[in-house]
């Protein structure tokens, strides 16, 4: 399973790497007041992705602060200590114990 996960990660990496190599043409992004930015297309896509992450994180901040302040106002509840559970009693049979191995 570990090798399959590494194979999937390598496939994703090489797909994104090929995307970056195939999109090196210049792209122009026009802003307000006649300003523009000229950069390779892969950088424009990366900047748009990073900008979306930042806007999404900033959009989550008010809710996060509200939940954090609500949790801080809750009274502290003591956690009971963890005790060891008693061992289960062995079944009284004359059959030998069989160990089962999972996959």
Protein backbone atom coordinates (compact mmCIF):
# COMPACT_ATOMS: atom_id res chain seq x y z
CA UNK A 1 0.00 0.00 0.00
CA UNK A 2 2.90 2.32 0.79
CA UNK A 3 4.34 1.81 -2.70
CA UNK A 4 0.98 2.48 -4.32
CA UNK A 5 0.74 5.77 -2.42
CA UNK A 6 4.25 6.77 -3.56
CA UNK A 7 3.33 5.84 -7.13
CA UNK A 8 0.23 8.07 -6.91
CA UNK A 9 2.29 10.97 -5.52
CA UNK A 10 4.86 10.56 -8.30
CA UNK A 11 2.11 10.52 -10.95
CA UNK A 12 0.59 13.73 -9.55
CA UNK A 13 4.03 15.39 -9.41
CA UNK A 14 4.94 14.50 -12.99
CA UNK A 15 1.51 15.59 -14.23
CA UNK A 16 1.92 19.01 -12.60
CA UNK A 17 5.52 19.21 -13.83
CA UNK A 18 4.40 18.51 -17.41
CA UNK A 19 1.65 21.14 -17.01
CA UNK A 20 4.26 23.69 -15.93
CA UNK A 21 6.55 22.84 -18.83
CA UNK A 22 3.74 23.06 -21.39
CA UNK A 23 2.49 26.44 -20.14
CA UNK A 24 5.57 28.63 -20.25
CA UNK A 25 4.08 31.10 -22.73
CA UNK A 26 3.66 34.64 -21.55
CA UNK A 27 0.24 35.64 -20.29
CA UNK A 28 -0.91 39.16 -19.57
CA UNK A 29 -3.20 39.92 -16.65
CA UNK A 30 -4.86 43.33 -16.91
CA UNK A 31 -5.66 45.20 -13.70
CA UNK A 32 -7.46 48.49 -13.14
CA UNK A 33 -6.16 51.87 -14.33
CA UNK A 34 -4.23 50.41 -17.24
CA UNK A 35 -1.79 48.37 -15.20
CA UNK A 36 -0.92 44.88 -16.27
CA UNK A 37 1.28 41.96 -15.26
CA UNK A 38 3.15 39.87 -17.79
CA UNK A 39 4.38 36.44 -16.61
CA UNK A 40 4.46 32.79 -17.69
CA UNK A 41 1.00 31.21 -17.60
CA UNK A 42 2.00 28.67 -14.96
CA UNK A 43 2.95 31.50 -12.58
CA UNK A 44 -0.37 33.24 -13.23
CA UNK A 45 -2.25 30.03 -12.39
CA UNK A 46 -0.11 29.50 -9.27
CA UNK A 47 -0.71 33.08 -8.12
CA UNK A 48 -4.47 32.68 -8.64
CA UNK A 49 -4.43 29.45 -6.61
CA UNK A 50 -2.42 31.06 -3.79
CA UNK A 51 -4.73 34.09 -3.81
CA UNK A 52 -7.74 31.78 -3.51
CA UNK A 53 -6.16 30.05 -0.53
CA UNK A 54 -5.52 33.37 1.19
CA UNK A 55 -9.06 34.66 0.53
CA UNK A 56 -10.55 31.37 1.77
CA UNK A 57 -8.46 31.41 4.96
CA UNK A 58 -9.37 35.04 5.63
CA UNK A 59 -13.03 34.19 5.10
CA UNK A 60 -12.81 31.48 7.77
CA UNK A 61 -11.16 33.70 10.40
CA UNK A 62 -14.31 35.36 11.86
CA UNK A 63 -16.00 32.02 12.46
CA UNK A 64 -12.82 30.58 13.92
CA UNK A 65 -12.48 33.51 16.32
CA UNK A 66 -16.13 33.20 17.35
CA UNK A 67 -15.80 29.48 18.12
CA UNK A 68 -12.52 30.04 19.91
CA UNK A 69 -13.96 32.73 22.17
CA UNK A 70 -17.06 30.61 22.86
CA UNK A 71 -14.85 27.65 23.82
CA UNK A 72 -12.77 29.88 26.12
CA UNK A 73 -15.91 30.92 28.01
CA UNK A 74 -16.95 27.32 28.76
CA UNK A 75 -16.20 26.08 32.28
CA UNK A 76 -13.28 23.69 32.59
CA UNK A 77 -14.47 20.09 33.04
CA UNK A 78 -12.08 17.78 34.90
CA UNK A 79 -11.13 14.70 32.95
CA UNK A 80 -11.36 11.48 34.97
CA UNK A 81 -8.17 9.43 35.10
CA UNK A 82 -7.91 6.51 32.73
CA UNK A 83 -7.91 3.15 34.48
CA UNK A 84 -6.89 -0.16 33.00
CA UNK A 85 -9.82 -2.34 31.99
CA UNK A 86 -9.91 -5.80 33.56
CA UNK A 87 -8.79 -8.64 31.32
CA UNK A 88 -11.67 -10.62 29.82
CA UNK A 89 -12.26 -14.01 31.36
CA UNK A 90 -11.15 -16.96 29.26
CA UNK A 91 -13.88 -19.20 27.91
CA UNK A 92 -14.04 -22.54 29.65
CA UNK A 93 -13.67 -24.99 26.76
CA UNK A 94 -11.43 -27.92 26.09
CA UNK A 95 -10.44 -26.59 22.63
CA UNK A 96 -6.97 -25.11 22.17
CA UNK A 97 -6.73 -21.35 21.71
CA UNK A 98 -6.55 -20.28 18.05
CA UNK A 99 -4.78 -17.06 17.19
CA UNK A 100 -6.28 -15.16 14.30
CA UNK A 101 -4.11 -12.89 12.22
CA UNK A 102 -5.72 -10.00 10.34
CA UNK A 103 -4.53 -8.73 7.00
